[in-house]
Amino acid sequence: MPSQEQSALIVPIPETEPVVGPLRAELDRSAVKGVPAHVTVLYPFLPPVSLTEDVRSTLRDLFATQAPFAVDFTEVRWFGNAVAWLAPEPNMAFRQLTTTVWNSFPDTPPYAGEHDGDHPHLTLGQDHPVEVLQRAADEVSERLPIPAAVGAVHLVAGSDEPGSWRTLEVFTLGNQD
């Protein structure tokens, strides 16, 4: 039976792909599903069937009020021994994006309420032996910092099936006038 589709709001970080892409392909299940290296703004978001033009218009308006920004991915950090991730600095703009969307869609808490969403991150790998993740973390650490420019948020959707995630819409940050 096919798995149910979900949606998310993410910020793809293409500047990190040369460093983390090959490792994520092995160590991050979202990469196998077709999700690029990214920082999550809000996951899960609404079911894809609920992504009406009104919802998309609200998102366009919300993101138009947020300025583009620059970040540096400066170090590898950990959630316990299960997840290695890259930390964006500063992270306040990512936190503001999450808060802004969640305030407008209060039934969509970050990570379905399991986590507070207060630690913006780019997942390097998860749910592999700690030794494997540590080798990847060491390899990536040697190539940090990675500067990145953030100018858009992507609405994406997919299922647990390999290669199923795709971009539905790209929302530009800042006023488009």
N, C-alpha and C. Protein backbone atom coordinates (compact mmCIF):
# COMPACT_ATOMS: atom_id res chain seq x y z
N MET A 1 0.84 -1.18 0.00
CA MET A 1 0.00 0.00 0.00
C MET A 1 0.88 1.24 0.00
N PRO A 2 0.65 2.20 -0.91
CA PRO A 2 1.48 3.41 -0.96
C PRO A 2 1.32 4.22 0.33
N SER A 3 2.40 4.87 0.73
CA SER A 3 2.33 5.69 1.94
C SER A 3 1.66 7.02 1.62
N GLN A 4 1.06 7.61 2.64
CA GLN A 4 0.31 8.85 2.48
C GLN A 4 1.27 10.02 2.26
N GLU A 5 0.86 10.94 1.38
CA GLU A 5 1.67 12.13 1.13
C GLU A 5 1.52 13.14 2.26
N GLN A 6 2.60 13.87 2.48
CA GLN A 6 2.66 14.96 3.44
C GLN A 6 3.24 16.17 2.71
N SER A 7 3.17 17.32 3.37
CA SER A 7 3.83 18.50 2.82
C SER A 7 4.73 19.11 3.89
N ALA A 8 5.63 19.97 3.45
CA ALA A 8 6.55 20.66 4.34
C ALA A 8 6.94 21.98 3.70
N LEU A 9 7.41 22.89 4.53
CA LEU A 9 8.02 24.13 4.08
C LEU A 9 9.49 24.05 4.44
N ILE A 10 10.35 24.16 3.43
CA ILE A 10 11.79 24.01 3.64
C ILE A 10 12.55 25.13 2.93
N VAL A 11 13.79 25.32 3.37
CA VAL A 11 14.72 26.20 2.68
C VAL A 11 15.84 25.32 2.15
N PRO A 12 15.83 25.01 0.86
CA PRO A 12 16.96 24.26 0.29
C PRO A 12 18.25 25.08 0.42
N ILE A 13 19.33 24.39 0.68
CA ILE A 13 20.63 25.05 0.83
C ILE A 13 21.60 24.42 -0.18
N PRO A 14 21.50 24.85 -1.45
CA PRO A 14 22.32 24.21 -2.49
C PRO A 14 23.82 24.40 -2.27
N GLU A 15 24.21 25.44 -1.57
CA GLU A 15 25.63 25.67 -1.30
C GLU A 15 26.27 24.53 -0.52
N THR A 16 25.45 23.76 0.21
CA THR A 16 26.00 22.67 1.02
C THR A 16 26.07 21.34 0.26
N GLU A 17 25.38 21.24 -0.85
CA GLU A 17 25.30 19.96 -1.56
C GLU A 17 26.66 19.34 -1.91
N PRO A 18 27.65 20.13 -2.41
CA PRO A 18 28.93 19.50 -2.73
C PRO A 18 29.59 18.84 -1.51
N VAL A 19 29.34 19.36 -0.33
CA VAL A 19 29.95 18.83 0.89
C VAL A 19 29.10 17.71 1.49
N VAL A 20 27.79 17.92 1.60
CA VAL A 20 26.95 16.96 2.32
C VAL A 20 26.17 16.01 1.42
N GLY A 21 26.02 16.34 0.15
CA GLY A 21 25.18 15.53 -0.74
C GLY A 21 25.50 14.05 -0.75
N PRO A 22 26.75 13.67 -1.01
CA PRO A 22 27.06 12.23 -1.05
C PRO A 22 26.83 11.54 0.30
N LEU A 23 27.11 12.23 1.38
CA LEU A 23 26.91 11.64 2.71
C LEU A 23 25.43 11.52 3.03
N ARG A 24 24.65 12.56 2.71
CA ARG A 24 23.21 12.50 2.95
C ARG A 24 22.57 11.37 2.16
N ALA A 25 23.06 11.12 0.94
CA ALA A 25 22.49 10.05 0.12
C ALA A 25 22.58 8.70 0.83
N GLU A 26 23.57 8.54 1.67
CA GLU A 26 23.75 7.29 2.42
C GLU A 26 23.14 7.34 3.82
N LEU A 27 23.12 8.53 4.43
CA LEU A 27 22.84 8.62 5.86
C LEU A 27 21.54 9.34 6.24
N ASP A 28 20.87 9.97 5.30
CA ASP A 28 19.65 10.72 5.62
C ASP A 28 18.52 10.20 4.75
N ARG A 29 17.54 9.57 5.39
CA ARG A 29 16.43 8.96 4.63
C ARG A 29 15.66 9.97 3.80
N SER A 30 15.66 11.25 4.19
CA SER A 30 14.93 12.24 3.39
C SER A 30 15.60 12.46 2.04
N ALA A 31 16.92 12.30 1.97
CA ALA A 31 17.63 12.45 0.69
C ALA A 31 17.16 11.39 -0.31
N VAL A 32 16.97 10.17 0.18
CA VAL A 32 16.51 9.08 -0.69
C VAL A 32 15.11 9.37 -1.23
N LYS A 33 14.32 10.09 -0.43
CA LYS A 33 12.95 10.44 -0.84
C LYS A 33 12.93 11.59 -1.84
N GLY A 34 14.09 12.22 -2.06
CA GLY A 34 14.17 13.31 -3.03
C GLY A 34 14.23 14.69 -2.43
N VAL A 35 14.38 14.78 -1.11
CA VAL A 35 14.45 16.08 -0.45
C VAL A 35 15.90 16.57 -0.48
N PRO A 36 16.15 17.79 -0.99
CA PRO A 36 17.52 18.30 -1.04
C PRO A 36 18.02 18.68 0.36
N ALA A 37 19.31 18.96 0.46
CA ALA A 37 19.86 19.49 1.71
C ALA A 37 19.08 20.76 2.03
N HIS A 38 18.60 20.84 3.27
CA HIS A 38 17.68 21.93 3.59
C HIS A 38 17.64 22.20 5.09
N VAL A 39 17.04 23.33 5.43
CA VAL A 39 16.63 23.63 6.79
C VAL A 39 15.10 23.65 6.76
N THR A 40 14.49 22.92 7.67
CA THR A 40 13.04 22.84 7.74
C THR A 40 12.47 24.10 8.36
N VAL A 41 11.46 24.66 7.72
CA VAL A 41 10.69 25.76 8.29
C VAL A 41 9.52 25.17 9.08
N LEU A 42 8.76 24.27 8.45
CA LEU A 42 7.64 23.64 9.15
C LEU A 42 7.33 22.28 8.53
N TYR A 43 7.40 21.26 9.36
CA TYR A 43 7.07 19.89 8.95
C TYR A 43 6.45 19.18 10.15
N PRO A 44 5.40 18.42 9.93
CA PRO A 44 4.60 18.38 8.71
C PRO A 44 3.75 19.64 8.60
N PHE A 45 3.47 20.01 7.35
CA PHE A 45 2.58 21.15 7.13
C PHE A 45 1.19 20.57 6.87
N LEU A 46 0.44 21.14 6.01
CA LEU A 46 -0.92 20.66 5.74
C LEU A 46 -0.90 19.47 4.79
N PRO A 47 -1.93 18.62 4.84
CA PRO A 47 -2.02 17.56 3.84
C PRO A 47 -2.08 18.20 2.44
N PRO A 48 -1.42 17.61 1.45
CA PRO A 48 -1.40 18.21 0.12
C PRO A 48 -2.78 18.58 -0.43
N VAL A 49 -3.80 17.81 -0.12
CA VAL A 49 -5.14 18.12 -0.60
C VAL A 49 -5.66 19.44 -0.03
N SER A 50 -5.08 19.90 1.10
CA SER A 50 -5.50 21.15 1.74
C SER A 50 -4.72 22.37 1.29
N LEU A 51 -3.80 22.19 0.35
CA LEU A 51 -2.95 23.30 -0.10
C LEU A 51 -3.67 24.11 -1.17
N THR A 52 -4.73 24.76 -0.77
CA THR A 52 -5.58 25.54 -1.67
C THR A 52 -4.88 26.83 -2.09
N GLU A 53 -5.49 27.52 -3.02
CA GLU A 53 -4.95 28.82 -3.44
C GLU A 53 -4.98 29.80 -2.28
N ASP A 54 -5.97 29.73 -1.41
CA ASP A 54 -6.01 30.61 -0.24
C ASP A 54 -4.81 30.36 0.68
N VAL A 55 -4.49 29.10 0.92
CA VAL A 55 -3.32 28.75 1.74
C VAL A 55 -2.05 29.28 1.09
N ARG A 56 -1.92 29.04 -0.19
CA ARG A 56 -0.71 29.48 -0.90
C ARG A 56 -0.60 31.00 -0.92
N SER A 57 -1.72 31.69 -1.08
CA SER A 57 -1.72 33.15 -1.06
C SER A 57 -1.29 33.67 0.32
N THR A 58 -1.78 33.03 1.36
CA THR A 58 -1.37 33.41 2.72
C THR A 58 0.14 33.23 2.89
N LEU A 59 0.65 32.11 2.40
CA LEU A 59 2.10 31.86 2.49
C LEU A 59 2.89 32.90 1.70
N ARG A 60 2.43 33.22 0.49
CA ARG A 60 3.11 34.25 -0.31
C ARG A 60 3.18 35.55 0.47
N ASP A 61 2.06 35.95 1.07
CA ASP A 61 2.02 37.20 1.83
C ASP A 61 2.93 37.15 3.05
N LEU A 62 2.93 36.02 3.76
CA LEU A 62 3.79 35.88 4.94
C LEU A 62 5.26 36.00 4.58
N PHE A 63 5.66 35.26 3.56
CA PHE A 63 7.08 35.25 3.21
C PHE A 63 7.52 36.57 2.58
N ALA A 64 6.60 37.30 1.98
CA ALA A 64 6.93 38.61 1.42
C ALA A 64 7.33 39.59 2.52
N THR A 65 6.90 39.33 3.76
CA THR A 65 7.25 40.22 4.87
C THR A 65 8.59 39.87 5.50
N GLN A 66 9.20 38.77 5.08
CA GLN A 66 10.47 38.32 5.66
C GLN A 66 11.62 38.66 4.70
N ALA A 67 12.65 39.28 5.22
CA ALA A 67 13.78 39.68 4.38
C ALA A 67 14.69 38.50 4.05
N PRO A 68 15.28 38.49 2.86
CA PRO A 68 16.32 37.50 2.56
C PRO A 68 17.46 37.67 3.57
N PHE A 69 18.23 36.61 3.77
CA PHE A 69 19.31 36.68 4.75
C PHE A 69 20.46 35.75 4.38
N ALA A 70 21.57 35.96 5.03
CA ALA A 70 22.75 35.12 4.83
C ALA A 70 23.04 34.36 6.11
N VAL A 71 23.53 33.15 5.95
CA VAL A 71 23.94 32.33 7.09
C VAL A 71 25.25 31.63 6.76
N ASP A 72 25.88 31.14 7.79
CA ASP A 72 27.05 30.27 7.65
C ASP A 72 26.76 28.99 8.41
N PHE A 73 27.03 27.87 7.79
CA PHE A 73 26.96 26.59 8.48
C PHE A 73 28.33 26.36 9.08
N THR A 74 28.39 26.47 10.41
CA THR A 74 29.68 26.63 11.10
C THR A 74 30.20 25.39 11.80
N GLU A 75 29.29 24.50 12.19
CA GLU A 75 29.75 23.31 12.91
C GLU A 75 28.72 22.20 12.83
N VAL A 76 29.20 20.99 13.10
CA VAL A 76 28.31 19.84 13.19
C VAL A 76 27.92 19.70 14.66
N ARG A 77 26.63 19.55 14.89
CA ARG A 77 26.11 19.31 16.23
C ARG A 77 25.30 18.02 16.21
N TRP A 78 24.82 17.64 17.39
CA TRP A 78 24.14 16.35 17.53
C TRP A 78 22.84 16.49 18.30
N PHE A 79 21.85 15.69 17.92
CA PHE A 79 20.68 15.42 18.74
C PHE A 79 20.93 14.01 19.30
N GLY A 80 21.36 13.97 20.55
CA GLY A 80 21.74 12.68 21.14
C GLY A 80 22.86 12.06 20.34
N ASN A 81 22.79 10.74 20.15
CA ASN A 81 23.74 10.03 19.30
C ASN A 81 23.11 9.59 17.99
N ALA A 82 21.86 10.06 17.75
CA ALA A 82 21.10 9.54 16.61
C ALA A 82 21.11 10.44 15.39
N VAL A 83 21.35 11.76 15.57
CA VAL A 83 21.25 12.69 14.44
C VAL A 83 22.45 13.64 14.47
N ALA A 84 23.19 13.67 13.36
CA ALA A 84 24.26 14.65 13.17
C ALA A 84 23.73 15.73 12.23
N TRP A 85 23.97 17.00 12.59
CA TRP A 85 23.40 18.09 11.79
C TRP A 85 24.33 19.29 11.75
N LEU A 86 24.13 20.09 10.71
CA LEU A 86 24.90 21.33 10.55
C LEU A 86 24.10 22.48 11.14
N ALA A 87 24.80 23.31 11.89
CA ALA A 87 24.16 24.45 12.56
C ALA A 87 24.32 25.71 11.72
N PRO A 88 23.20 26.38 11.40
CA PRO A 88 23.29 27.67 10.71
C PRO A 88 23.46 28.79 11.74
N GLU A 89 24.35 29.70 11.43
CA GLU A 89 24.57 30.87 12.30
C GLU A 89 24.54 32.12 11.46
N PRO A 90 23.80 33.13 11.85
CA PRO A 90 22.83 33.09 12.94
C PRO A 90 21.62 32.25 12.54
N ASN A 91 20.86 31.81 13.55
CA ASN A 91 19.70 30.97 13.24
C ASN A 91 18.36 31.68 13.47
N MET A 92 18.39 32.90 13.95
CA MET A 92 17.16 33.60 14.31
C MET A 92 16.21 33.78 13.12
N ALA A 93 16.71 34.03 11.93
CA ALA A 93 15.83 34.23 10.78
C ALA A 93 15.06 32.94 10.46
N PHE A 94 15.70 31.79 10.59
CA PHE A 94 14.99 30.52 10.39
C PHE A 94 13.91 30.35 11.47
N ARG A 95 14.25 30.66 12.70
CA ARG A 95 13.28 30.55 13.79
C ARG A 95 12.10 31.48 13.55
N GLN A 96 12.38 32.67 13.02
CA GLN A 96 11.31 33.62 12.73
C GLN A 96 10.39 33.10 11.62
N LEU A 97 10.96 32.47 10.60
CA LEU A 97 10.13 31.89 9.54
C LEU A 97 9.18 30.84 10.12
N THR A 98 9.70 29.98 10.97
CA THR A 98 8.87 28.93 11.58
C THR A 98 7.76 29.55 12.42
N THR A 99 8.11 30.50 13.25
CA THR A 99 7.11 31.15 14.12
C THR A 99 6.04 31.85 13.30
N THR A 100 6.45 32.53 12.25
CA THR A 100 5.50 33.27 11.41
C THR A 100 4.48 32.33 10.78
N VAL A 101 4.94 31.22 10.23
CA VAL A 101 4.02 30.28 9.60
C VAL A 101 3.15 29.60 10.65
N TRP A 102 3.75 29.16 11.72
CA TRP A 102 3.00 28.45 12.76
C TRP A 102 1.92 29.36 13.37
N ASN A 103 2.22 30.64 13.55
CA ASN A 103 1.22 31.58 14.07
C ASN A 103 0.01 31.69 13.13
N SER A 104 0.26 31.58 11.83
CA SER A 104 -0.84 31.67 10.86
C SER A 104 -1.55 30.34 10.64
N PHE A 105 -0.88 29.26 10.95
CA PHE A 105 -1.44 27.92 10.81
C PHE A 105 -1.22 27.16 12.12
N PRO A 106 -1.93 27.55 13.18
CA PRO A 106 -1.65 27.01 14.52
C PRO A 106 -1.88 25.51 14.68
N ASP A 107 -2.57 24.89 13.75
CA ASP A 107 -2.79 23.44 13.82
C ASP A 107 -1.63 22.65 13.22
N THR A 108 -0.53 23.34 12.88
CA THR A 108 0.62 22.68 12.27
C THR A 108 1.89 22.95 13.09
N PRO A 109 1.94 22.47 14.33
CA PRO A 109 3.14 22.73 15.14
C PRO A 109 4.37 22.05 14.53
N PRO A 110 5.55 22.63 14.74
CA PRO A 110 6.77 22.00 14.22
C PRO A 110 6.89 20.54 14.68
N TYR A 111 7.22 19.69 13.74
CA TYR A 111 7.45 18.27 14.00
C TYR A 111 6.27 17.64 14.75
N ALA A 112 5.05 18.08 14.39
CA ALA A 112 3.80 17.58 14.98
C ALA A 112 3.81 17.69 16.50
N GLY A 113 4.56 18.66 17.03
CA GLY A 113 4.61 18.89 18.46
C GLY A 113 5.61 18.02 19.20
N GLU A 114 6.31 17.14 18.48
CA GLU A 114 7.30 16.26 19.12
C GLU A 114 8.57 17.01 19.51
N HIS A 115 8.90 18.06 18.75
CA HIS A 115 10.06 18.90 19.04
C HIS A 115 9.60 20.34 18.95
N ASP A 116 10.36 21.23 19.55
CA ASP A 116 9.93 22.63 19.61
C ASP A 116 10.23 23.42 18.35
N GLY A 117 11.01 22.88 17.43
CA GLY A 117 11.34 23.62 16.21
C GLY A 117 12.28 24.77 16.45
N ASP A 118 12.86 24.82 17.64
CA ASP A 118 13.70 25.94 18.04
C ASP A 118 15.18 25.71 17.73
N HIS A 119 15.49 24.64 17.01
CA HIS A 119 16.88 24.34 16.65
C HIS A 119 16.98 24.14 15.14
N PRO A 120 16.97 25.25 14.38
CA PRO A 120 17.11 25.10 12.93
C PRO A 120 18.37 24.30 12.61
N HIS A 121 18.24 23.39 11.66
CA HIS A 121 19.37 22.52 11.35
C HIS A 121 19.26 21.94 9.95
N LEU A 122 20.39 21.50 9.45
CA LEU A 122 20.48 20.78 8.20
C LEU A 122 20.97 19.38 8.55
N THR A 123 20.11 18.39 8.41
CA THR A 123 20.47 17.04 8.81
C THR A 123 21.53 16.47 7.88
N LEU A 124 22.58 15.96 8.50
CA LEU A 124 23.64 15.26 7.77
C LEU A 124 23.31 13.78 7.70
N GLY A 125 22.94 13.21 8.83
CA GLY A 125 22.60 11.79 8.88
C GLY A 125 21.88 11.46 10.16
N GLN A 126 21.15 10.34 10.10
CA GLN A 126 20.39 9.93 11.28
C GLN A 126 20.16 8.43 11.27
N ASP A 127 19.98 7.90 12.47
CA ASP A 127 19.60 6.50 12.66
C ASP A 127 20.58 5.52 12.02
N HIS A 128 21.86 5.84 12.14
CA HIS A 128 22.94 4.94 11.75
C HIS A 128 23.85 4.78 12.95
N PRO A 129 24.72 3.80 12.95
CA PRO A 129 25.64 3.67 14.09
C PRO A 129 26.40 4.97 14.32
N VAL A 130 26.59 5.31 15.58
CA VAL A 130 27.24 6.57 15.93
C VAL A 130 28.62 6.69 15.29
N GLU A 131 29.32 5.59 15.12
CA GLU A 131 30.66 5.63 14.51
C GLU A 131 30.57 6.09 13.06
N VAL A 132 29.54 5.63 12.36
CA VAL A 132 29.34 6.02 10.96
C VAL A 132 29.01 7.51 10.87
N LEU A 133 28.10 7.95 11.73
CA LEU A 133 27.74 9.37 11.75
C LEU A 133 28.92 10.23 12.15
N GLN A 134 29.73 9.76 13.09
CA GLN A 134 30.89 10.54 13.54
C GLN A 134 31.91 10.70 12.41
N ARG A 135 32.12 9.66 11.63
CA ARG A 135 33.05 9.78 10.48
C ARG A 135 32.53 10.83 9.50
N ALA A 136 31.24 10.81 9.24
CA ALA A 136 30.65 11.80 8.34
C ALA A 136 30.78 13.20 8.93
N ALA A 137 30.52 13.33 10.21
CA ALA A 137 30.64 14.62 10.89
C ALA A 137 32.06 15.15 10.80
N ASP A 138 33.03 14.28 11.01
CA ASP A 138 34.44 14.69 10.92
C ASP A 138 34.80 15.14 9.52
N GLU A 139 34.33 14.40 8.53
CA GLU A 139 34.60 14.74 7.13
C GLU A 139 34.02 16.11 6.77
N VAL A 140 32.79 16.35 7.19
CA VAL A 140 32.13 17.63 6.89
C VAL A 140 32.78 18.77 7.67
N SER A 141 33.13 18.53 8.91
CA SER A 141 33.72 19.57 9.76
C SER A 141 34.97 20.17 9.15
N GLU A 142 35.73 19.36 8.44
CA GLU A 142 36.95 19.84 7.79
C GLU A 142 36.66 20.84 6.68
N ARG A 143 35.42 20.90 6.20
CA ARG A 143 35.07 21.76 5.07
C ARG A 143 34.16 22.92 5.47
N LEU A 144 34.02 23.15 6.76
CA LEU A 144 33.20 24.25 7.26
C LEU A 144 34.07 25.47 7.54
N PRO A 145 33.52 26.66 7.51
CA PRO A 145 32.12 26.99 7.34
C PRO A 145 31.70 26.99 5.87
N ILE A 146 30.40 26.89 5.67
CA ILE A 146 29.80 26.98 4.34
C ILE A 146 28.84 28.17 4.37
N PRO A 147 29.14 29.23 3.64
CA PRO A 147 28.21 30.36 3.59
C PRO A 147 27.05 30.06 2.64
N ALA A 148 25.89 30.61 2.98
CA ALA A 148 24.70 30.41 2.13
C ALA A 148 23.83 31.65 2.14
N ALA A 149 23.15 31.87 1.03
CA ALA A 149 22.19 32.97 0.92
C ALA A 149 20.79 32.36 0.89
N VAL A 150 19.89 32.92 1.69
CA VAL A 150 18.53 32.41 1.77
C VAL A 150 17.59 33.47 1.20
N GLY A 151 16.90 33.11 0.13
CA GLY A 151 16.00 34.04 -0.51
C GLY A 151 14.63 33.49 -0.81
N ALA A 152 14.38 32.21 -0.44
CA ALA A 152 13.09 31.60 -0.76
C ALA A 152 12.81 30.43 0.17
N VAL A 153 11.53 30.14 0.29
CA VAL A 153 11.04 28.96 1.01
C VAL A 153 10.28 28.12 0.00
N HIS A 154 10.50 26.81 0.03
CA HIS A 154 9.84 25.90 -0.90
C HIS A 154 8.75 25.12 -0.19
N LEU A 155 7.60 25.04 -0.82
CA LEU A 155 6.53 24.15 -0.39
C LEU A 155 6.76 22.84 -1.13
N VAL A 156 6.99 21.78 -0.39
CA VAL A 156 7.29 20.48 -0.98
C VAL A 156 6.29 19.44 -0.48
N ALA A 157 6.14 18.38 -1.23
CA ALA A 157 5.24 17.30 -0.82
C ALA A 157 5.77 15.98 -1.35
N GLY A 158 5.43 14.92 -0.62
CA GLY A 158 5.83 13.59 -1.03
C GLY A 158 5.45 12.58 0.03
N SER A 159 5.91 11.36 -0.19
CA SER A 159 5.60 10.25 0.72
C SER A 159 6.91 9.60 1.15
N ASP A 160 6.80 8.42 1.74
CA ASP A 160 7.99 7.67 2.13
C ASP A 160 8.63 6.95 0.95
N GLU A 161 8.03 7.03 -0.21
CA GLU A 161 8.56 6.34 -1.39
C GLU A 161 9.82 7.04 -1.90
N PRO A 162 10.82 6.30 -2.34
CA PRO A 162 12.03 6.91 -2.88
C PRO A 162 11.71 7.87 -4.03
N GLY A 163 12.33 9.02 -4.02
CA GLY A 163 12.19 10.01 -5.09
C GLY A 163 10.84 10.68 -5.19
N SER A 164 9.98 10.54 -4.18
CA SER A 164 8.61 11.05 -4.30
C SER A 164 8.45 12.54 -3.97
N TRP A 165 9.38 13.13 -3.25
CA TRP A 165 9.21 14.53 -2.84
C TRP A 165 9.52 15.46 -4.00
N ARG A 166 8.67 16.48 -4.14
CA ARG A 166 8.82 17.44 -5.23
C ARG A 166 8.40 18.82 -4.73
N THR A 167 8.88 19.83 -5.42
CA THR A 167 8.54 21.21 -5.08
C THR A 167 7.21 21.57 -5.73
N LEU A 168 6.28 22.07 -4.92
CA LEU A 168 4.98 22.50 -5.42
C LEU A 168 4.96 23.99 -5.73
N GLU A 169 5.69 24.77 -4.91
CA GLU A 169 5.75 26.22 -5.13
C GLU A 169 6.97 26.78 -4.39
N VAL A 170 7.51 27.85 -4.96
CA VAL A 170 8.64 28.55 -4.35
C VAL A 170 8.15 29.94 -3.96
N PHE A 171 8.34 30.30 -2.69
CA PHE A 171 7.93 31.59 -2.18
C PHE A 171 9.16 32.44 -1.93
N THR A 172 9.23 33.57 -2.62
CA THR A 172 10.37 34.48 -2.50
C THR A 172 10.25 35.28 -1.20
N LEU A 173 11.37 35.42 -0.50
CA LEU A 173 11.38 36.25 0.70
C LEU A 173 11.50 37.71 0.30
N GLY A 174 10.83 38.56 1.05
CA GLY A 174 10.92 40.00 0.80
C GLY A 174 9.81 40.46 -0.13
N ASN A 175 9.58 41.74 -0.08
CA ASN A 175 8.56 42.34 -0.91
C ASN A 175 8.97 42.26 -2.38
N GLN A 176 8.08 41.80 -3.20
CA GLN A 176 8.39 41.59 -4.61
C GLN A 176 8.07 42.80 -5.48
N ASP A 177 7.71 43.92 -4.87
CA ASP A 177 7.39 45.14 -5.66
C ASP A 177 8.64 45.74 -6.25
